[in-house]
């Protein structure tokens, strides 16, 4: 072993980037970190994996009530030592179409956040003759 090492050209973080992953910095509440840390420990996995699973389940086109029920069921499964299984939502067959809409309408829909196309589709389905 050397007495000194030169880290002046060293890079912080993983030597090899994980495929399909992006490193970000995010501020989370302490109790949220503790919650997911406890779940992860009970499951035998990492807390970041648990947070990622919760975020992925939020991406499903479930309603808020269904999402909360799904997440609570996953937590119960993890606490009992089972692998968490999030609800798989089958999306209905869709056809890509070209439609001219006012820019303001599209901007308002986009401003509602990720999943805006799905929400627009659901609203159109409910109001279709």
C-alpha atoms as a PDB file:
ATOM      1  CA  UNK A   1       0.000   0.000   0.000  1.00  0.00           C
ATOM      2  CA  UNK A   2       1.199   3.499  -0.798  1.00  0.00           C
ATOM      3  CA  UNK A   3       1.548   6.194   1.802  1.00  0.00           C
ATOM      4  CA  UNK A   4      -0.281   8.688  -0.432  1.00  0.00           C
ATOM      5  CA  UNK A   5      -2.765   8.500  -3.264  1.00  0.00           C
ATOM      6  CA  UNK A   6      -3.572  11.231  -5.784  1.00  0.00           C
ATOM      7  CA  UNK A   7      -7.340  11.645  -6.162  1.00  0.00           C
ATOM      8  CA  UNK A   8      -7.147  15.008  -7.938  1.00  0.00           C
ATOM      9  CA  UNK A   9      -8.461  13.461 -11.180  1.00  0.00           C
ATOM     10  CA  UNK A  10     -10.907  11.147  -9.465  1.00  0.00           C
ATOM     11  CA  UNK A  11     -14.634  11.201 -10.143  1.00  0.00           C
ATOM     12  CA  UNK A  12     -17.276  10.875  -7.486  1.00  0.00           C
ATOM     13  CA  UNK A  13     -19.947   8.195  -7.727  1.00  0.00           C
ATOM     14  CA  UNK A  14     -20.198   4.844  -9.430  1.00  0.00           C
ATOM     15  CA  UNK A  15     -17.331   3.933 -11.720  1.00  0.00           C
ATOM     16  CA  UNK A  16     -19.725   2.403 -14.246  1.00  0.00           C
ATOM     17  CA  UNK A  17     -23.067   4.130 -14.729  1.00  0.00           C
ATOM     18  CA  UNK A  18     -26.112   1.882 -14.368  1.00  0.00           C
ATOM     19  CA  UNK A  19     -27.983   1.482 -17.648  1.00  0.00           C
ATOM     20  CA  UNK A  20     -31.402   3.095 -17.621  1.00  0.00           C
ATOM     21  CA  UNK A  21     -30.676   5.071 -14.461  1.00  0.00           C
ATOM     22  CA  UNK A  22     -30.023   8.777 -13.960  1.00  0.00           C
ATOM     23  CA  UNK A  23     -28.389  10.171 -10.846  1.00  0.00           C
ATOM     24  CA  UNK A  24     -30.283  13.148  -9.407  1.00  0.00           C
ATOM     25  CA  UNK A  25     -30.220  15.185  -6.240  1.00  0.00           C
ATOM     26  CA  UNK A  26     -33.577  15.566  -4.535  1.00  0.00           C
ATOM     27  CA  UNK A  27     -34.662  16.905  -1.160  1.00  0.00           C
ATOM     28  CA  UNK A  28     -36.972  14.478   0.651  1.00  0.00           C
ATOM     29  CA  UNK A  29     -38.528  14.769   4.095  1.00  0.00           C
ATOM     30  CA  UNK A  30     -36.719  12.851   6.833  1.00  0.00           C
ATOM     31  CA  UNK A  31     -39.834  10.856   7.694  1.00  0.00           C
ATOM     32  CA  UNK A  32     -40.215   9.779   4.049  1.00  0.00           C
ATOM     33  CA  UNK A  33     -36.618   8.522   3.976  1.00  0.00           C
ATOM     34  CA  UNK A  34     -37.164   6.737   7.298  1.00  0.00           C
ATOM     35  CA  UNK A  35     -40.409   5.170   6.047  1.00  0.00           C
ATOM     36  CA  UNK A  36     -38.875   3.823   2.848  1.00  0.00           C
ATOM     37  CA  UNK A  37     -35.728   2.806   4.714  1.00  0.00           C
ATOM     38  CA  UNK A  38     -37.790   0.721   7.143  1.00  0.00           C
ATOM     39  CA  UNK A  39     -39.721  -0.870   4.277  1.00  0.00           C
ATOM     40  CA  UNK A  40     -36.514  -1.602   2.418  1.00  0.00           C
ATOM     41  CA  UNK A  41     -34.897  -3.199   5.460  1.00  0.00           C
ATOM     42  CA  UNK A  42     -37.936  -5.433   6.004  1.00  0.00           C
ATOM     43  CA  UNK A  43     -37.877  -6.382   2.309  1.00  0.00           C
ATOM     44  CA  UNK A  44     -34.116  -6.847   2.165  1.00  0.00           C
ATOM     45  CA  UNK A  45     -33.591  -4.262  -0.540  1.00  0.00           C
ATOM     46  CA  UNK A  46     -32.452  -0.641  -0.825  1.00  0.00           C
ATOM     47  CA  UNK A  47     -34.562   2.358   0.099  1.00  0.00           C
ATOM     48  CA  UNK A  48     -33.977   3.912  -3.314  1.00  0.00           C
ATOM     49  CA  UNK A  49     -35.442   0.786  -4.887  1.00  0.00           C
ATOM     50  CA  UNK A  50     -38.535   1.193  -2.711  1.00  0.00           C
ATOM     51  CA  UNK A  51     -38.893   4.882  -3.628  1.00  0.00           C
ATOM     52  CA  UNK A  52     -38.474   3.992  -7.303  1.00  0.00           C
ATOM     53  CA  UNK A  53     -41.215   1.325  -6.993  1.00  0.00           C
ATOM     54  CA  UNK A  54     -43.575   3.864  -5.409  1.00  0.00           C
ATOM     55  CA  UNK A  55     -42.863   6.369  -8.172  1.00  0.00           C
ATOM     56  CA  UNK A  56     -43.394   3.725 -10.839  1.00  0.00           C
ATOM     57  CA  UNK A  57     -46.736   2.740  -9.356  1.00  0.00           C
ATOM     58  CA  UNK A  58     -47.775   6.416  -9.455  1.00  0.00           C
ATOM     59  CA  UNK A  59     -47.071   6.387 -13.192  1.00  0.00           C
ATOM     60  CA  UNK A  60     -49.810   3.804 -13.774  1.00  0.00           C
ATOM     61  CA  UNK A  61     -53.059   5.192 -15.110  1.00  0.00           C
ATOM     62  CA  UNK A  62     -54.865   4.400 -11.867  1.00  0.00           C
ATOM     63  CA  UNK A  63     -57.149   6.828 -10.127  1.00  0.00           C
ATOM     64  CA  UNK A  64     -55.911   8.363  -6.852  1.00  0.00           C
ATOM     65  CA  UNK A  65     -58.047   6.022  -4.740  1.00  0.00           C
ATOM     66  CA  UNK A  66     -56.828   2.952  -6.646  1.00  0.00           C
ATOM     67  CA  UNK A  67     -53.230   4.137  -6.388  1.00  0.00           C
ATOM     68  CA  UNK A  68     -53.460   4.584  -2.607  1.00  0.00           C
ATOM     69  CA  UNK A  69     -55.104   1.170  -2.187  1.00  0.00           C
ATOM     70  CA  UNK A  70     -52.446  -0.402  -4.417  1.00  0.00           C
ATOM     71  CA  UNK A  71     -49.595   1.217  -2.500  1.00  0.00           C
ATOM     72  CA  UNK A  72     -51.043   0.207   0.883  1.00  0.00           C
ATOM     73  CA  UNK A  73     -51.448  -3.377  -0.328  1.00  0.00           C
ATOM     74  CA  UNK A  74     -47.819  -3.362  -1.480  1.00  0.00           C
ATOM     75  CA  UNK A  75     -46.698  -2.113   1.937  1.00  0.00           C
ATOM     76  CA  UNK A  76     -48.693  -4.888   3.659  1.00  0.00           C
ATOM     77  CA  UNK A  77     -47.108  -7.467   1.385  1.00  0.00           C
ATOM     78  CA  UNK A  78     -43.623  -6.143   2.123  1.00  0.00           C
ATOM     79  CA  UNK A  79     -44.245  -6.084   5.865  1.00  0.00           C
ATOM     80  CA  UNK A  80     -45.369  -9.711   5.765  1.00  0.00           C
ATOM     81  CA  UNK A  81     -42.138 -10.642   3.982  1.00  0.00           C
ATOM     82  CA  UNK A  82     -43.707 -11.127   0.548  1.00  0.00           C
ATOM     83  CA  UNK A  83     -42.458  -9.463  -2.579  1.00  0.00           C
ATOM     84  CA  UNK A  84     -44.539  -6.392  -3.347  1.00  0.00           C
ATOM     85  CA  UNK A  85     -46.724  -6.675  -6.392  1.00  0.00           C
ATOM     86  CA  UNK A  86     -48.093  -3.495  -7.838  1.00  0.00           C
ATOM     87  CA  UNK A  87     -51.277  -3.599  -9.835  1.00  0.00           C
ATOM     88  CA  UNK A  88     -50.642  -4.088 -13.511  1.00  0.00           C
ATOM     89  CA  UNK A  89     -52.979  -1.910 -15.481  1.00  0.00           C
ATOM     90  CA  UNK A  90     -53.767  -2.941 -18.998  1.00  0.00           C
ATOM     91  CA  UNK A  91     -54.137   0.029 -21.229  1.00  0.00           C
ATOM     92  CA  UNK A  92     -56.867  -0.225 -23.836  1.00  0.00           C
ATOM     93  CA  UNK A  93     -55.917  -0.564 -27.471  1.00  0.00           C
ATOM     94  CA  UNK A  94     -55.242   2.828 -28.942  1.00  0.00           C
ATOM     95  CA  UNK A  95     -54.790   4.213 -32.399  1.00  0.00           C
ATOM     96  CA  UNK A  96     -52.490   7.091 -33.175  1.00  0.00           C
ATOM     97  CA  UNK A  97     -54.300   9.928 -34.922  1.00  0.00           C
ATOM     98  CA  UNK A  98     -53.438  13.416 -36.014  1.00  0.00           C
ATOM     99  CA  UNK A  99     -55.734  16.071 -34.566  1.00  0.00           C
ATOM    100  CA  UNK A 100     -55.588  19.857 -34.831  1.00  0.00           C
ATOM    101  CA  UNK A 101     -56.264  21.612 -31.538  1.00  0.00           C
ATOM    102  CA  UNK A 102     -55.585  25.175 -30.400  1.00  0.00           C
ATOM    103  CA  UNK A 103     -52.100  25.596 -28.924  1.00  0.00           C
ATOM    104  CA  UNK A 104     -53.603  26.972 -25.702  1.00  0.00           C
ATOM    105  CA  UNK A 105     -55.586  23.752 -25.193  1.00  0.00           C
ATOM    106  CA  UNK A 106     -52.507  21.561 -25.605  1.00  0.00           C
ATOM    107  CA  UNK A 107     -50.458  23.813 -23.313  1.00  0.00           C
ATOM    108  CA  UNK A 108     -53.137  23.620 -20.592  1.00  0.00           C
ATOM    109  CA  UNK A 109     -53.225  19.827 -20.830  1.00  0.00           C
ATOM    110  CA  UNK A 110     -49.411  19.574 -20.750  1.00  0.00           C
ATOM    111  CA  UNK A 111     -49.374  21.823 -17.680  1.00  0.00           C
ATOM    112  CA  UNK A 112     -51.299  19.130 -15.785  1.00  0.00           C
ATOM    113  CA  UNK A 113     -48.121  17.026 -15.778  1.00  0.00           C
ATOM    114  CA  UNK A 114     -47.060  13.564 -16.923  1.00  0.00           C
ATOM    115  CA  UNK A 115     -49.904  11.387 -18.130  1.00  0.00           C
ATOM    116  CA  UNK A 116     -51.779  14.277 -19.710  1.00  0.00           C
ATOM    117  CA  UNK A 117     -52.448  12.317 -22.902  1.00  0.00           C
ATOM    118  CA  UNK A 118     -53.987   9.462 -20.913  1.00  0.00           C
ATOM    119  CA  UNK A 119     -56.187  11.884 -18.960  1.00  0.00           C
ATOM    120  CA  UNK A 120     -57.261  13.571 -22.175  1.00  0.00           C
ATOM    121  CA  UNK A 121     -58.103  10.187 -23.682  1.00  0.00           C
ATOM    122  CA  UNK A 122     -60.155   9.215 -20.615  1.00  0.00           C
ATOM    123  CA  UNK A 123     -62.131  12.468 -20.747  1.00  0.00           C
ATOM    124  CA  UNK A 124     -62.785  12.063 -24.470  1.00  0.00           C
ATOM    125  CA  UNK A 125     -63.910   8.461 -23.894  1.00  0.00           C
ATOM    126  CA  UNK A 126     -66.401   9.571 -21.233  1.00  0.00           C
ATOM    127  CA  UNK A 127     -67.886  12.283 -23.440  1.00  0.00           C
ATOM    128  CA  UNK A 128     -67.931  10.366 -26.723  1.00  0.00           C
ATOM    129  CA  UNK A 129     -71.418   9.964 -28.270  1.00  0.00           C
END
